[in-house]
Amino acid sequence: LVRDGTAEFSSMRAAIEEMPGPLSKITSVQACGAAFVKGIERRQLHINCPGWVGLFRWLKPILSTRVGLPLLLKGADQRLAQMDAETAGRHLNARIAELDGR
């Protein structure tokens, strides 16, 4: 989903590229699959891929406050308007539309 979105929409690419540090990186399907297999084999309660994502479970309550929300929402109105313009009149992404013959 992420790879299709970043390939098709400049607004999504820009949103991901603007994120700080490791948040701007996209993890491969293979790495996520391996993490899921390992987590299921170990009967883990939580499976995070990459592993540092688990930190956000603890940060989420802080990010949902008056202090955190402005940081998360900075520039969101412009990005959403651009995403709306890029997807106007579409019901499927380009890859699915091609597979569907539309």
PDB file of N, CA and C in Angstrom:
ATOM      1  N   LEU A   1       0.818  -1.198   0.000  1.00  0.00           N
ATOM      2  CA  LEU A   1       0.000   0.000   0.000  1.00  0.00           C
ATOM      3  C   LEU A   1       0.861   1.260   0.000  1.00  0.00           C
ATOM      4  N   VAL A   2       1.871   1.246   0.842  1.00  0.00           N
ATOM      5  CA  VAL A   2       2.727   2.429   0.932  1.00  0.00           C
ATOM      6  C   VAL A   2       3.512   2.616  -0.358  1.00  0.00           C
ATOM      7  N   ARG A   3       4.059   1.541  -0.895  1.00  0.00           N
ATOM      8  CA  ARG A   3       4.846   1.659  -2.136  1.00  0.00           C
ATOM      9  C   ARG A   3       3.970   2.128  -3.298  1.00  0.00           C
ATOM     10  N   ASP A   4       2.751   1.594  -3.411  1.00  0.00           N
ATOM     11  CA  ASP A   4       1.838   2.060  -4.459  1.00  0.00           C
ATOM     12  C   ASP A   4       1.539   3.543  -4.282  1.00  0.00           C
ATOM     13  N   GLY A   5       1.260   3.945  -3.060  1.00  0.00           N
ATOM     14  CA  GLY A   5       0.925   5.343  -2.786  1.00  0.00           C
ATOM     15  C   GLY A   5       2.064   6.291  -3.073  1.00  0.00           C
ATOM     16  N   THR A   6       3.270   5.909  -2.661  1.00  0.00           N
ATOM     17  CA  THR A   6       4.412   6.793  -2.910  1.00  0.00           C
ATOM     18  C   THR A   6       4.786   6.824  -4.384  1.00  0.00           C
ATOM     19  N   ALA A   7       4.537   5.747  -5.101  1.00  0.00           N
ATOM     20  CA  ALA A   7       4.824   5.726  -6.538  1.00  0.00           C
ATOM     21  C   ALA A   7       3.851   6.613  -7.303  1.00  0.00           C
ATOM     22  N   GLU A   8       2.609   6.656  -6.836  1.00  0.00           N
ATOM     23  CA  GLU A   8       1.565   7.379  -7.562  1.00  0.00           C
ATOM     24  C   GLU A   8       1.377   8.834  -7.149  1.00  0.00           C
ATOM     25  N   PHE A   9       1.580   9.129  -5.871  1.00  0.00           N
ATOM     26  CA  PHE A   9       1.186  10.441  -5.357  1.00  0.00           C
ATOM     27  C   PHE A   9       2.369  11.205  -4.774  1.00  0.00           C
ATOM     28  N   SER A  10       2.653  12.354  -5.364  1.00  0.00           N
ATOM     29  CA  SER A  10       3.758  13.177  -4.870  1.00  0.00           C
ATOM     30  C   SER A  10       3.472  13.678  -3.462  1.00  0.00           C
ATOM     31  N   SER A  11       2.201  13.872  -3.120  1.00  0.00           N
ATOM     32  CA  SER A  11       1.856  14.343  -1.779  1.00  0.00           C
ATOM     33  C   SER A  11       2.225  13.311  -0.723  1.00  0.00           C
ATOM     34  N   MET A  12       2.035  12.044  -1.022  1.00  0.00           N
ATOM     35  CA  MET A  12       2.393  10.997  -0.067  1.00  0.00           C
ATOM     36  C   MET A  12       3.907  10.867   0.049  1.00  0.00           C
ATOM     37  N   ARG A  13       4.604  10.957  -1.089  1.00  0.00           N
ATOM     38  CA  ARG A  13       6.072  10.928  -1.057  1.00  0.00           C
ATOM     39  C   ARG A  13       6.604  12.067  -0.192  1.00  0.00           C
ATOM     40  N   ALA A  14       6.059  13.263  -0.395  1.00  0.00           N
ATOM     41  CA  ALA A  14       6.515  14.431   0.360  1.00  0.00           C
ATOM     42  C   ALA A  14       6.236  14.265   1.849  1.00  0.00           C
ATOM     43  N   ALA A  15       5.067  13.734   2.196  1.00  0.00           N
ATOM     44  CA  ALA A  15       4.719  13.540   3.605  1.00  0.00           C
ATOM     45  C   ALA A  15       5.695  12.584   4.276  1.00  0.00           C
ATOM     46  N   ILE A  16       6.062  11.514   3.598  1.00  0.00           N
ATOM     47  CA  ILE A  16       6.993  10.539   4.175  1.00  0.00           C
ATOM     48  C   ILE A  16       8.400  11.124   4.248  1.00  0.00           C
ATOM     49  N   GLU A  17       8.827  11.821   3.204  1.00  0.00           N
ATOM     50  CA  GLU A  17      10.174  12.400   3.184  1.00  0.00           C
ATOM     51  C   GLU A  17      10.356  13.468   4.253  1.00  0.00           C
ATOM     52  N   GLU A  18       9.276  14.154   4.645  1.00  0.00           N
ATOM     53  CA  GLU A  18       9.357  15.209   5.656  1.00  0.00           C
ATOM     54  C   GLU A  18       9.461  14.662   7.072  1.00  0.00           C
ATOM     55  N   MET A  19       9.170  13.388   7.261  1.00  0.00           N
ATOM     56  CA  MET A  19       9.224  12.810   8.605  1.00  0.00           C
ATOM     57  C   MET A  19      10.671  12.724   9.076  1.00  0.00           C
ATOM     58  N   PRO A  20      10.884  12.883  10.384  1.00  0.00           N
ATOM     59  CA  PRO A  20      12.252  12.865  10.903  1.00  0.00           C
ATOM     60  C   PRO A  20      12.842  11.460  10.997  1.00  0.00           C
ATOM     61  N   GLY A  21      14.152  11.381  10.839  1.00  0.00           N
ATOM     62  CA  GLY A  21      14.914  10.159  11.068  1.00  0.00           C
ATOM     63  C   GLY A  21      14.358   8.904  10.429  1.00  0.00           C
ATOM     64  N   PRO A  22      14.246   7.840  11.220  1.00  0.00           N
ATOM     65  CA  PRO A  22      13.823   6.553  10.666  1.00  0.00           C
ATOM     66  C   PRO A  22      12.363   6.527  10.210  1.00  0.00           C
ATOM     67  N   LEU A  23      11.582   7.516  10.604  1.00  0.00           N
ATOM     68  CA  LEU A  23      10.182   7.559  10.168  1.00  0.00           C
ATOM     69  C   LEU A  23      10.062   7.786   8.668  1.00  0.00           C
ATOM     70  N   SER A  24      11.104   8.296   8.051  1.00  0.00           N
ATOM     71  CA  SER A  24      11.058   8.562   6.610  1.00  0.00           C
ATOM     72  C   SER A  24      11.508   7.359   5.776  1.00  0.00           C
ATOM     73  N   LYS A  25      11.771   6.241   6.426  1.00  0.00           N
ATOM     74  CA  LYS A  25      12.197   5.023   5.725  1.00  0.00           C
ATOM     75  C   LYS A  25      11.027   4.054   5.601  1.00  0.00           C
ATOM     76  N   ILE A  26      10.962   3.332   4.487  1.00  0.00           N
ATOM     77  CA  ILE A  26       9.917   2.332   4.264  1.00  0.00           C
ATOM     78  C   ILE A  26      10.558   0.958   4.411  1.00  0.00           C
ATOM     79  N   THR A  27       9.973   0.132   5.265  1.00  0.00           N
ATOM     80  CA  THR A  27      10.493  -1.215   5.510  1.00  0.00           C
ATOM     81  C   THR A  27       9.979  -2.161   4.438  1.00  0.00           C
ATOM     82  N   SER A  28      10.814  -3.082   4.015  1.00  0.00           N
ATOM     83  CA  SER A  28      10.430  -4.012   2.949  1.00  0.00           C
ATOM     84  C   SER A  28       9.390  -5.019   3.428  1.00  0.00           C
ATOM     85  N   VAL A  29       8.637  -5.533   2.484  1.00  0.00           N
ATOM     86  CA  VAL A  29       7.640  -6.564   2.777  1.00  0.00           C
ATOM     87  C   VAL A  29       8.338  -7.801   3.337  1.00  0.00           C
ATOM     88  N   GLN A  30       9.507  -8.120   2.805  1.00  0.00           N
ATOM     89  CA  GLN A  30      10.251  -9.292   3.263  1.00  0.00           C
ATOM     90  C   GLN A  30      10.646  -9.156   4.731  1.00  0.00           C
ATOM     91  N   ALA A  31      11.123  -7.978   5.126  1.00  0.00           N
ATOM     92  CA  ALA A  31      11.519  -7.754   6.521  1.00  0.00           C
ATOM     93  C   ALA A  31      10.309  -7.857   7.447  1.00  0.00           C
ATOM     94  N   CYS A  32       9.185  -7.292   7.022  1.00  0.00           N
ATOM     95  CA  CYS A  32       7.963  -7.375   7.835  1.00  0.00           C
ATOM     96  C   CYS A  32       7.475  -8.815   7.928  1.00  0.00           C
ATOM     97  N   GLY A  33       7.518  -9.530   6.823  1.00  0.00           N
ATOM     98  CA  GLY A  33       7.102 -10.934   6.828  1.00  0.00           C
ATOM     99  C   GLY A  33       7.954 -11.757   7.773  1.00  0.00           C
ATOM    100  N   ALA A  34       9.264 -11.534   7.737  1.00  0.00           N
ATOM    101  CA  ALA A  34      10.178 -12.257   8.629  1.00  0.00           C
ATOM    102  C   ALA A  34       9.887 -11.924  10.091  1.00  0.00           C
ATOM    103  N   ALA A  35       9.597 -10.655  10.370  1.00  0.00           N
ATOM    104  CA  ALA A  35       9.272 -10.253  11.744  1.00  0.00           C
ATOM    105  C   ALA A  35       7.975 -10.905  12.212  1.00  0.00           C
ATOM    106  N   PHE A  36       6.978 -10.981  11.330  1.00  0.00           N
ATOM    107  CA  PHE A  36       5.715 -11.627  11.691  1.00  0.00           C
ATOM    108  C   PHE A  36       5.917 -13.111  11.961  1.00  0.00           C
ATOM    109  N   VAL A  37       6.677 -13.790  11.106  1.00  0.00           N
ATOM    110  CA  VAL A  37       6.938 -15.225  11.304  1.00  0.00           C
ATOM    111  C   VAL A  37       7.639 -15.444  12.644  1.00  0.00           C
ATOM    112  N   LYS A  38       8.668 -14.653  12.902  1.00  0.00           N
ATOM    113  CA  LYS A  38       9.425 -14.772  14.152  1.00  0.00           C
ATOM    114  C   LYS A  38       8.521 -14.500  15.360  1.00  0.00           C
ATOM    115  N   GLY A  39       7.698 -13.458  15.265  1.00  0.00           N
ATOM    116  CA  GLY A  39       6.792 -13.120  16.360  1.00  0.00           C
ATOM    117  C   GLY A  39       5.746 -14.189  16.611  1.00  0.00           C
ATOM    118  N   ILE A  40       5.209 -14.755  15.549  1.00  0.00           N
ATOM    119  CA  ILE A  40       4.202 -15.817  15.688  1.00  0.00           C
ATOM    120  C   ILE A  40       4.843 -17.069  16.273  1.00  0.00           C
ATOM    121  N   GLU A  41       6.031 -17.410  15.788  1.00  0.00           N
ATOM    122  CA  GLU A  41       6.734 -18.586  16.317  1.00  0.00           C
ATOM    123  C   GLU A  41       7.010 -18.452  17.813  1.00  0.00           C
ATOM    124  N   ARG A  42       7.310 -17.247  18.238  1.00  0.00           N
ATOM    125  CA  ARG A  42       7.605 -17.005  19.658  1.00  0.00           C
ATOM    126  C   ARG A  42       6.344 -16.672  20.459  1.00  0.00           C
ATOM    127  N   ARG A  43       5.205 -16.656  19.772  1.00  0.00           N
ATOM    128  CA  ARG A  43       3.916 -16.332  20.400  1.00  0.00           C
ATOM    129  C   ARG A  43       3.970 -14.980  21.134  1.00  0.00           C
ATOM    130  N   GLN A  44       4.589 -14.010  20.469  1.00  0.00           N
ATOM    131  CA  GLN A  44       4.727 -12.679  21.055  1.00  0.00           C
ATOM    132  C   GLN A  44       3.384 -11.961  21.083  1.00  0.00           C
ATOM    133  N   LEU A  45       3.185 -11.175  22.118  1.00  0.00           N
ATOM    134  CA  LEU A  45       1.963 -10.396  22.254  1.00  0.00           C
ATOM    135  C   LEU A  45       1.925  -9.257  21.233  1.00  0.00           C
ATOM    136  N   HIS A  46       3.079  -8.656  20.983  1.00  0.00           N
ATOM    137  CA  HIS A  46       3.187  -7.547  20.026  1.00  0.00           C
ATOM    138  C   HIS A  46       4.280  -7.874  19.014  1.00  0.00           C
ATOM    139  N   ILE A  47       4.018  -7.536  17.760  1.00  0.00           N
ATOM    140  CA  ILE A  47       5.020  -7.704  16.705  1.00  0.00           C
ATOM    141  C   ILE A  47       5.225  -6.335  16.069  1.00  0.00           C
ATOM    142  N   ASN A  48       6.444  -5.842  16.140  1.00  0.00           N
ATOM    143  CA  ASN A  48       6.762  -4.529  15.590  1.00  0.00           C
ATOM    144  C   ASN A  48       7.818  -4.672  14.506  1.00  0.00           C
ATOM    145  N   CYS A  49       7.577  -4.048  13.381  1.00  0.00           N
ATOM    146  CA  CYS A  49       8.542  -4.073  12.289  1.00  0.00           C
ATOM    147  C   CYS A  49       8.608  -2.682  11.669  1.00  0.00           C
ATOM    148  N   PRO A  50       9.756  -2.050  11.772  1.00  0.00           N
ATOM    149  CA  PRO A  50      10.945  -2.425  12.515  1.00  0.00           C
ATOM    150  C   PRO A  50      10.697  -2.367  14.031  1.00  0.00           C
ATOM    151  N   GLY A  51      11.607  -2.935  14.792  1.00  0.00           N
ATOM    152  CA  GLY A  51      11.422  -3.092  16.229  1.00  0.00           C
ATOM    153  C   GLY A  51      11.183  -1.801  16.991  1.00  0.00           C
ATOM    154  N   TRP A  52      11.791  -0.693  16.546  1.00  0.00           N
ATOM    155  CA  TRP A  52      11.644   0.572  17.269  1.00  0.00           C
ATOM    156  C   TRP A  52      10.222   1.120  17.221  1.00  0.00           C
ATOM    157  N   VAL A  53       9.368   0.586  16.351  1.00  0.00           N
ATOM    158  CA  VAL A  53       7.983   1.060  16.244  1.00  0.00           C
ATOM    159  C   VAL A  53       7.234   0.855  17.563  1.00  0.00           C
ATOM    160  N   GLY A  54       7.631  -0.162  18.334  1.00  0.00           N
ATOM    161  CA  GLY A  54       6.992  -0.420  19.623  1.00  0.00           C
ATOM    162  C   GLY A  54       7.081   0.762  20.570  1.00  0.00           C
ATOM    163  N   LEU A  55       8.090   1.598  20.411  1.00  0.00           N
ATOM    164  CA  LEU A  55       8.236   2.795  21.234  1.00  0.00           C
ATOM    165  C   LEU A  55       7.012   3.707  21.115  1.00  0.00           C
ATOM    166  N   PHE A  56       6.402   3.746  19.940  1.00  0.00           N
ATOM    167  CA  PHE A  56       5.270   4.643  19.725  1.00  0.00           C
ATOM    168  C   PHE A  56       4.029   4.231  20.505  1.00  0.00           C
ATOM    169  N   ARG A  57       3.952   2.976  20.928  1.00  0.00           N
ATOM    170  CA  ARG A  57       2.836   2.562  21.785  1.00  0.00           C
ATOM    171  C   ARG A  57       2.895   3.339  23.096  1.00  0.00           C
ATOM    172  N   TRP A  58       4.111   3.632  23.547  1.00  0.00           N
ATOM    173  CA  TRP A  58       4.295   4.379  24.789  1.00  0.00           C
ATOM    174  C   TRP A  58       4.224   5.889  24.552  1.00  0.00           C
ATOM    175  N   LEU A  59       4.605   6.341  23.378  1.00  0.00           N
ATOM    176  CA  LEU A  59       4.586   7.779  23.075  1.00  0.00           C
ATOM    177  C   LEU A  59       3.208   8.281  22.660  1.00  0.00           C
ATOM    178  N   LYS A  60       2.338   7.397  22.195  1.00  0.00           N
ATOM    179  CA  LYS A  60       1.034   7.816  21.676  1.00  0.00           C
ATOM    180  C   LYS A  60       0.240   8.672  22.665  1.00  0.00           C
ATOM    181  N   PRO A  61       0.183   8.322  23.952  1.00  0.00           N
ATOM    182  CA  PRO A  61      -0.563   9.194  24.872  1.00  0.00           C
ATOM    183  C   PRO A  61      -0.008  10.617  24.929  1.00  0.00           C
ATOM    184  N   ILE A  62       1.302  10.766  24.782  1.00  0.00           N
ATOM    185  CA  ILE A  62       1.907  12.103  24.798  1.00  0.00           C
ATOM    186  C   ILE A  62       1.620  12.825  23.483  1.00  0.00           C
ATOM    187  N   LEU A  63       1.705  12.095  22.375  1.00  0.00           N
ATOM    188  CA  LEU A  63       1.480  12.712  21.068  1.00  0.00           C
ATOM    189  C   LEU A  63       0.031  13.131  20.871  1.00  0.00           C
ATOM    190  N   SER A  64      -0.877  12.591  21.666  1.00  0.00           N
ATOM    191  CA  SER A  64      -2.299  12.926  21.546  1.00  0.00           C
ATOM    192  C   SER A  64      -2.698  14.093  22.444  1.00  0.00           C
ATOM    193  N   THR A  65      -1.745  14.819  22.986  1.00  0.00           N
ATOM    194  CA  THR A  65      -2.028  15.945  23.874  1.00  0.00           C
ATOM    195  C   THR A  65      -1.906  17.267  23.117  1.00  0.00           C
ATOM    196  N   ARG A  66      -2.165  18.346  23.831  1.00  0.00           N
ATOM    197  CA  ARG A  66      -2.028  19.684  23.236  1.00  0.00           C
ATOM    198  C   ARG A  66      -0.586  19.977  22.826  1.00  0.00           C
ATOM    199  N   VAL A  67       0.343  19.308  23.456  1.00  0.00           N
ATOM    200  CA  VAL A  67       1.757  19.501  23.114  1.00  0.00           C
ATOM    201  C   VAL A  67       2.107  18.728  21.842  1.00  0.00           C
ATOM    202  N   GLY A  68       1.651  17.486  21.745  1.00  0.00           N
ATOM    203  CA  GLY A  68       2.027  16.624  20.632  1.00  0.00           C
ATOM    204  C   GLY A  68       1.257  16.843  19.350  1.00  0.00           C
ATOM    205  N   LEU A  69      -0.042  17.138  19.461  1.00  0.00           N
ATOM    206  CA  LEU A  69      -0.870  17.263  18.252  1.00  0.00           C
ATOM    207  C   LEU A  69      -0.395  18.334  17.278  1.00  0.00           C
ATOM    208  N   PRO A  70      -0.013  19.524  17.739  1.00  0.00           N
ATOM    209  CA  PRO A  70       0.476  20.512  16.768  1.00  0.00           C
ATOM    210  C   PRO A  70       1.685  20.023  15.973  1.00  0.00           C
ATOM    211  N   LEU A  71       2.542  19.233  16.608  1.00  0.00           N
ATOM    212  CA  LEU A  71       3.703  18.689  15.901  1.00  0.00           C
ATOM    213  C   LEU A  71       3.267  17.693  14.832  1.00  0.00           C
ATOM    214  N   LEU A  72       2.271  16.875  15.162  1.00  0.00           N
ATOM    215  CA  LEU A  72       1.792  15.867  14.217  1.00  0.00           C
ATOM    216  C   LEU A  72       0.994  16.475  13.068  1.00  0.00           C
ATOM    217  N   LEU A  73       0.255  17.531  13.360  1.00  0.00           N
ATOM    218  CA  LEU A  73      -0.654  18.102  12.364  1.00  0.00           C
ATOM    219  C   LEU A  73      -0.031  19.221  11.532  1.00  0.00           C
ATOM    220  N   LYS A  74       1.215  19.570  11.828  1.00  0.00           N
ATOM    221  CA  LYS A  74       1.889  20.650  11.104  1.00  0.00           C
ATOM    222  C   LYS A  74       1.907  20.350   9.602  1.00  0.00           C
ATOM    223  N   GLY A  75       1.300  21.211   8.811  1.00  0.00           N
ATOM    224  CA  GLY A  75       1.281  21.064   7.359  1.00  0.00           C
ATOM    225  C   GLY A  75       0.270  20.064   6.833  1.00  0.00           C
ATOM    226  N   ALA A  76      -0.518  19.452   7.724  1.00  0.00           N
ATOM    227  CA  ALA A  76      -1.469  18.420   7.289  1.00  0.00           C
ATOM    228  C   ALA A  76      -2.551  18.985   6.376  1.00  0.00           C
ATOM    229  N   ASP A  77      -3.001  20.213   6.626  1.00  0.00           N
ATOM    230  CA  ASP A  77      -4.072  20.771   5.797  1.00  0.00           C
ATOM    231  C   ASP A  77      -3.634  20.922   4.338  1.00  0.00           C
ATOM    232  N   GLN A  78      -2.391  21.365   4.110  1.00  0.00           N
ATOM    233  CA  GLN A  78      -1.904  21.486   2.735  1.00  0.00           C
ATOM    234  C   GLN A  78      -1.725  20.107   2.089  1.00  0.00           C
ATOM    235  N   ARG A  79      -1.169  19.152   2.851  1.00  0.00           N
ATOM    236  CA  ARG A  79      -0.962  17.805   2.303  1.00  0.00           C
ATOM    237  C   ARG A  79      -2.283  17.138   1.959  1.00  0.00           C
ATOM    238  N   LEU A  80      -3.278  17.286   2.819  1.00  0.00           N
ATOM    239  CA  LEU A  80      -4.578  16.667   2.545  1.00  0.00           C
ATOM    240  C   LEU A  80      -5.244  17.283   1.323  1.00  0.00           C
ATOM    241  N   ALA A  81      -5.127  18.602   1.167  1.00  0.00           N
ATOM    242  CA  ALA A  81      -5.693  19.254  -0.015  1.00  0.00           C
ATOM    243  C   ALA A  81      -5.004  18.748  -1.284  1.00  0.00           C
ATOM    244  N   GLN A  82      -3.693  18.584  -1.229  1.00  0.00           N
ATOM    245  CA  GLN A  82      -2.947  18.073  -2.385  1.00  0.00           C
ATOM    246  C   GLN A  82      -3.338  16.622  -2.673  1.00  0.00           C
ATOM    247  N   MET A  83      -3.485  15.801  -1.626  1.00  0.00           N
ATOM    248  CA  MET A  83      -3.897  14.404  -1.818  1.00  0.00           C
ATOM    249  C   MET A  83      -5.293  14.322  -2.424  1.00  0.00           C
ATOM    250  N   ASP A  84      -6.195  15.180  -1.951  1.00  0.00           N
ATOM    251  CA  ASP A  84      -7.547  15.211  -2.521  1.00  0.00           C
ATOM    252  C   ASP A  84      -7.503  15.547  -4.006  1.00  0.00           C
ATOM    253  N   ALA A  85      -6.682  16.533  -4.375  1.00  0.00           N
ATOM    254  CA  ALA A  85      -6.575  16.927  -5.781  1.00  0.00           C
ATOM    255  C   ALA A  85      -5.994  15.795  -6.629  1.00  0.00           C
ATOM    256  N   GLU A  86      -5.029  15.070  -6.085  1.00  0.00           N
ATOM    257  CA  GLU A  86      -4.398  13.980  -6.840  1.00  0.00           C
ATOM    258  C   GLU A  86      -5.313  12.769  -7.014  1.00  0.00           C
ATOM    259  N   THR A  87      -6.249  12.588  -6.105  1.00  0.00           N
ATOM    260  CA  THR A  87      -7.111  11.400  -6.163  1.00  0.00           C
ATOM    261  C   THR A  87      -8.534  11.705  -6.610  1.00  0.00           C
ATOM    262  N   ALA A  88      -8.829  12.933  -6.946  1.00  0.00           N
ATOM    263  CA  ALA A  88     -10.195  13.313  -7.320  1.00  0.00           C
ATOM    264  C   ALA A  88     -10.717  12.457  -8.473  1.00  0.00           C
ATOM    265  N   GLY A  89     -11.906  11.899  -8.291  1.00  0.00           N
ATOM    266  CA  GLY A  89     -12.560  11.114  -9.330  1.00  0.00           C
ATOM    267  C   GLY A  89     -12.067   9.692  -9.464  1.00  0.00           C
ATOM    268  N   ARG A  90     -11.174   9.271  -8.587  1.00  0.00           N
ATOM    269  CA  ARG A  90     -10.626   7.908  -8.666  1.00  0.00           C
ATOM    270  C   ARG A  90     -11.221   7.040  -7.572  1.00  0.00           C
ATOM    271  N   HIS A  91     -11.426   5.778  -7.894  1.00  0.00           N
ATOM    272  CA  HIS A  91     -11.929   4.831  -6.904  1.00  0.00           C
ATOM    273  C   HIS A  91     -10.911   3.732  -6.628  1.00  0.00           C
ATOM    274  N   LEU A  92      -9.940   3.578  -7.512  1.00  0.00           N
ATOM    275  CA  LEU A  92      -8.913   2.546  -7.387  1.00  0.00           C
ATOM    276  C   LEU A  92      -7.547   3.159  -7.652  1.00  0.00           C
ATOM    277  N   ASN A  93      -6.502   2.551  -7.075  1.00  0.00           N
ATOM    278  CA  ASN A  93      -5.180   3.046  -7.437  1.00  0.00           C
ATOM    279  C   ASN A  93      -4.819   2.512  -8.822  1.00  0.00           C
ATOM    280  N   ALA A  94      -3.772   3.035  -9.414  1.00  0.00           N
ATOM    281  CA  ALA A  94      -3.427   2.715 -10.806  1.00  0.00           C
ATOM    282  C   ALA A  94      -3.146   1.228 -11.007  1.00  0.00           C
ATOM    283  N   ARG A  95      -2.447   0.603 -10.069  1.00  0.00           N
ATOM    284  CA  ARG A  95      -2.101  -0.815 -10.219  1.00  0.00           C
ATOM    285  C   ARG A  95      -3.350  -1.688 -10.198  1.00  0.00           C
ATOM    286  N   ILE A  96      -4.274  -1.433  -9.288  1.00  0.00           N
ATOM    287  CA  ILE A  96      -5.504  -2.225  -9.196  1.00  0.00           C
ATOM    288  C   ILE A  96      -6.390  -1.966 -10.410  1.00  0.00           C
ATOM    289  N   ALA A  97      -6.470  -0.721 -10.847  1.00  0.00           N
ATOM    290  CA  ALA A  97      -7.264  -0.402 -12.033  1.00  0.00           C
ATOM    291  C   ALA A  97      -6.719  -1.134 -13.254  1.00  0.00           C
ATOM    292  N   GLU A  98      -5.397  -1.229 -13.356  1.00  0.00           N
ATOM    293  CA  GLU A  98      -4.776  -1.945 -14.477  1.00  0.00           C
ATOM    294  C   GLU A  98      -5.096  -3.440 -14.403  1.00  0.00           C
ATOM    295  N   LEU A  99      -5.020  -4.015 -13.226  1.00  0.00           N
ATOM    296  CA  LEU A  99      -5.347  -5.438 -13.050  1.00  0.00           C
ATOM    297  C   LEU A  99      -6.818  -5.713 -13.349  1.00  0.00           C
ATOM    298  N   ASP A 100      -7.650  -4.739 -12.994  1.00  0.00           N
ATOM    299  CA  ASP A 100      -9.094  -4.877 -13.167  1.00  0.00           C
ATOM    300  C   ASP A 100      -9.530  -4.586 -14.603  1.00  0.00           C
ATOM    301  N   GLY A 101      -8.628  -4.020 -15.416  1.00  0.00           N
ATOM    302  CA  GLY A 101      -8.938  -3.721 -16.810  1.00  0.00           C
ATOM    303  C   GLY A 101      -9.755  -2.460 -17.005  1.00  0.00           C
ATOM    304  N   ARG A 102      -9.680  -1.544 -16.058  1.00  0.00           N
ATOM    305  CA  ARG A 102     -10.450  -0.293 -16.171  1.00  0.00           C
ATOM    306  C   ARG A 102      -9.616   0.806 -16.765  1.00  0.00           C
TER     307      ARG A 102
END
